[in-house]
C-alpha atoms as a PDB file:
ATOM      1  CA  MET A   1       0.000   0.000   0.000  1.00  0.00           C
ATOM      2  CA  ASN A   2       1.348   3.401  -0.934  1.00  0.00           C
ATOM      3  CA  ARG A   3       0.094   5.325   2.053  1.00  0.00           C
ATOM      4  CA  PRO A   4       0.864   8.971   2.880  1.00  0.00           C
ATOM      5  CA  VAL A   5       3.403   9.792   5.581  1.00  0.00           C
ATOM      6  CA  LEU A   6       2.122  10.498   9.083  1.00  0.00           C
ATOM      7  CA  TYR A   7       3.721  13.666  10.410  1.00  0.00           C
ATOM      8  CA  GLN A   8       1.658  14.729  13.433  1.00  0.00           C
ATOM      9  CA  VAL A   9      -0.571  13.104  16.060  1.00  0.00           C
ATOM     10  CA  VAL A  10      -2.858  14.896  18.497  1.00  0.00           C
ATOM     11  CA  PRO A  11      -4.422  12.788  21.262  1.00  0.00           C
ATOM     12  CA  THR A  12      -7.804  13.728  22.720  1.00  0.00           C
ATOM     13  CA  ASP A  13      -9.394  13.330  26.139  1.00  0.00           C
ATOM     14  CA  ASN A  14     -11.440  10.334  25.042  1.00  0.00           C
ATOM     15  CA  TYR A  15      -8.790   7.983  23.655  1.00  0.00           C
ATOM     16  CA  THR A  16      -8.946   9.084  20.053  1.00  0.00           C
ATOM     17  CA  VAL A  17      -6.038  10.540  18.103  1.00  0.00           C
ATOM     18  CA  TYR A  18      -6.080  12.996  15.219  1.00  0.00           C
ATOM     19  CA  LEU A  19      -3.675  11.854  12.507  1.00  0.00           C
ATOM     20  CA  TYR A  20      -2.159  14.409  10.127  1.00  0.00           C
ATOM     21  CA  TYR A  21      -0.696  13.117   6.859  1.00  0.00           C
ATOM     22  CA  ASP A  22       1.627  14.775   4.358  1.00  0.00           C
ATOM     23  CA  ASN A  23      -1.007  14.661   1.605  1.00  0.00           C
ATOM     24  CA  GLY A  24      -3.315  16.972   3.599  1.00  0.00           C
ATOM     25  CA  GLU A  25      -5.526  14.235   5.018  1.00  0.00           C
ATOM     26  CA  VAL A  26      -6.646  14.504   8.617  1.00  0.00           C
ATOM     27  CA  LYS A  27      -8.072  11.342  10.133  1.00  0.00           C
ATOM     28  CA  LEU A  28      -9.322  10.292  13.547  1.00  0.00           C
ATOM     29  CA  TYR A  29      -8.260   6.967  15.065  1.00  0.00           C
ATOM     30  CA  ASP A  30     -10.173   5.380  17.937  1.00  0.00           C
ATOM     31  CA  CYS A  31      -7.848   3.807  20.526  1.00  0.00           C
ATOM     32  CA  SER A  32     -10.578   2.748  22.957  1.00  0.00           C
ATOM     33  CA  PHE A  33      -9.809  -0.888  22.068  1.00  0.00           C
ATOM     34  CA  ILE A  34      -6.987  -0.699  24.631  1.00  0.00           C
ATOM     35  CA  PHE A  35      -9.557  -1.230  27.388  1.00  0.00           C
ATOM     36  CA  ASN A  36     -10.271  -4.693  26.015  1.00  0.00           C
ATOM     37  CA  GLU A  37      -6.574  -5.608  26.018  1.00  0.00           C
ATOM     38  CA  ASN A  38      -4.265  -6.520  28.888  1.00  0.00           C
ATOM     39  CA  GLY A  39      -0.523  -6.417  29.206  1.00  0.00           C
ATOM     40  CA  VAL A  40       1.379  -3.712  27.387  1.00  0.00           C
ATOM     41  CA  PHE A  41      -1.685  -1.494  26.934  1.00  0.00           C
ATOM     42  CA  ASP A  42      -2.085  -1.205  30.723  1.00  0.00           C
ATOM     43  CA  LYS A  43       0.629   1.467  30.589  1.00  0.00           C
ATOM     44  CA  ILE A  44      -1.555   3.842  28.554  1.00  0.00           C
ATOM     45  CA  LYS A  45      -5.003   3.240  30.026  1.00  0.00           C
ATOM     46  CA  ASN A  46      -4.633   6.334  32.216  1.00  0.00           C
ATOM     47  CA  ILE A  47      -5.720   9.340  30.106  1.00  0.00           C
ATOM     48  CA  ASP A  48      -2.719  11.441  31.166  1.00  0.00           C
ATOM     49  CA  SER A  49      -0.298   8.677  30.169  1.00  0.00           C
ATOM     50  CA  PHE A  50      -2.189   8.133  26.932  1.00  0.00           C
ATOM     51  CA  LYS A  51      -1.902  11.799  25.983  1.00  0.00           C
ATOM     52  CA  ASN A  52       1.643  12.405  27.252  1.00  0.00           C
ATOM     53  CA  LEU A  53       3.185   9.310  25.678  1.00  0.00           C
ATOM     54  CA  CYS A  54       1.416   9.611  22.311  1.00  0.00           C
ATOM     55  CA  THR A  55       3.890  10.311  19.495  1.00  0.00           C
ATOM     56  CA  ILE A  56       5.147   9.066  16.140  1.00  0.00           C
ATOM     57  CA  MET A  57       7.729   6.306  16.142  1.00  0.00           C
ATOM     58  CA  ASN A  58       8.499   3.669  13.528  1.00  0.00           C
ATOM     59  CA  HIS A  59       6.547   5.810  11.035  1.00  0.00           C
ATOM     60  CA  SER A  60       3.299   5.278  12.924  1.00  0.00           C
ATOM     61  CA  LEU A  61       1.174   6.197  15.915  1.00  0.00           C
ATOM     62  CA  ALA A  62       3.103   5.102  18.978  1.00  0.00           C
ATOM     63  CA  PHE A  63       3.360   5.490  22.724  1.00  0.00           C
ATOM     64  CA  ASP A  64       6.825   6.212  24.116  1.00  0.00           C
ATOM     65  CA  ILE A  65       6.567   4.064  27.233  1.00  0.00           C
ATOM     66  CA  SER A  66      10.277   4.372  28.105  1.00  0.00           C
ATOM     67  CA  GLY A  67      10.410   8.151  27.704  1.00  0.00           C
ATOM     68  CA  GLN A  68      13.701   7.704  25.846  1.00  0.00           C
ATOM     69  CA  ARG A  69      12.430   7.813  22.236  1.00  0.00           C
ATOM     70  CA  ASP A  70      13.605   4.204  21.957  1.00  0.00           C
ATOM     71  CA  VAL A  71      11.923   2.692  18.885  1.00  0.00           C
ATOM     72  CA  SER A  72      12.432  -0.800  20.292  1.00  0.00           C
ATOM     73  CA  ASN A  73      10.725   0.098  23.592  1.00  0.00           C
ATOM     74  CA  CYS A  74       7.446   1.634  22.531  1.00  0.00           C
ATOM     75  CA  ILE A  75       3.904   0.599  21.746  1.00  0.00           C
ATOM     76  CA  ASP A  76       3.404   1.213  18.052  1.00  0.00           C
ATOM     77  CA  ILE A  77       0.353   0.402  15.999  1.00  0.00           C
ATOM     78  CA  CYS A  78       0.672  -0.861  12.447  1.00  0.00           C
ATOM     79  CA  PRO A  79       0.680   2.131  10.050  1.00  0.00           C
ATOM     80  CA  ASP A  80      -1.705   0.360   7.671  1.00  0.00           C
ATOM     81  CA  THR A  81      -4.109  -0.340  10.539  1.00  0.00           C
ATOM     82  CA  ILE A  82      -4.268   3.253  11.737  1.00  0.00           C
ATOM     83  CA  TYR A  83      -4.700   4.545   8.204  1.00  0.00           C
ATOM     84  CA  GLU A  84      -7.372   2.043   7.155  1.00  0.00           C
ATOM     85  CA  ASP A  85      -9.276   1.940  10.462  1.00  0.00           C
ATOM     86  CA  SER A  86      -9.407   5.696  11.073  1.00  0.00           C
ATOM     87  CA  ILE A  87     -12.223   7.941   9.935  1.00  0.00           C
ATOM     88  CA  SER A  88     -11.608  10.866   7.624  1.00  0.00           C
ATOM     89  CA  CYS A  89     -12.311  14.215   9.235  1.00  0.00           C
ATOM     90  CA  ASP A  90     -14.156  15.015   6.018  1.00  0.00           C
ATOM     91  CA  ALA A  91     -16.815  12.574   7.205  1.00  0.00           C
ATOM     92  CA  LYS A  92     -20.172  13.760   8.418  1.00  0.00           C
ATOM     93  CA  GLN A  93     -20.032  15.637  11.718  1.00  0.00           C
ATOM     94  CA  GLN A  94     -22.447  13.174  13.321  1.00  0.00           C
ATOM     95  CA  ASP A  95     -20.068  10.294  12.545  1.00  0.00           C
ATOM     96  CA  LEU A  96     -17.202  12.134  14.206  1.00  0.00           C
ATOM     97  CA  GLU A  97     -19.358  12.945  17.232  1.00  0.00           C
ATOM     98  CA  LEU A  98     -20.074   9.239  17.677  1.00  0.00           C
ATOM     99  CA  ILE A  99     -16.350   8.490  17.753  1.00  0.00           C
ATOM    100  CA  ILE A 100     -15.170  11.373  19.928  1.00  0.00           C
ATOM    101  CA  GLY A 101     -18.171  11.263  22.226  1.00  0.00           C
ATOM    102  CA  LYS A 102     -19.579  14.775  21.938  1.00  0.00           C
END
């Protein structure tokens, strides 16, 4: 897949992340699945940790759990997954409100 390059992530208060791509696309990715997972995701279930550790590593949405920008010690989500499973911010406002909980 020839996907655009992710260059900025902005986490929200409800476990979603705005994704900004180099082709001008802005998408919204829902990370609430972490509550159904155990193990490594426990480190980002706290909203402050989720927001503070959210970054880009390994060319994808990631969480810098070591605080050292160590690409081998982070939680990163497959770039294809975040691109394909996120909703375009061009979508209807009501669809976005369902995802971000307004």
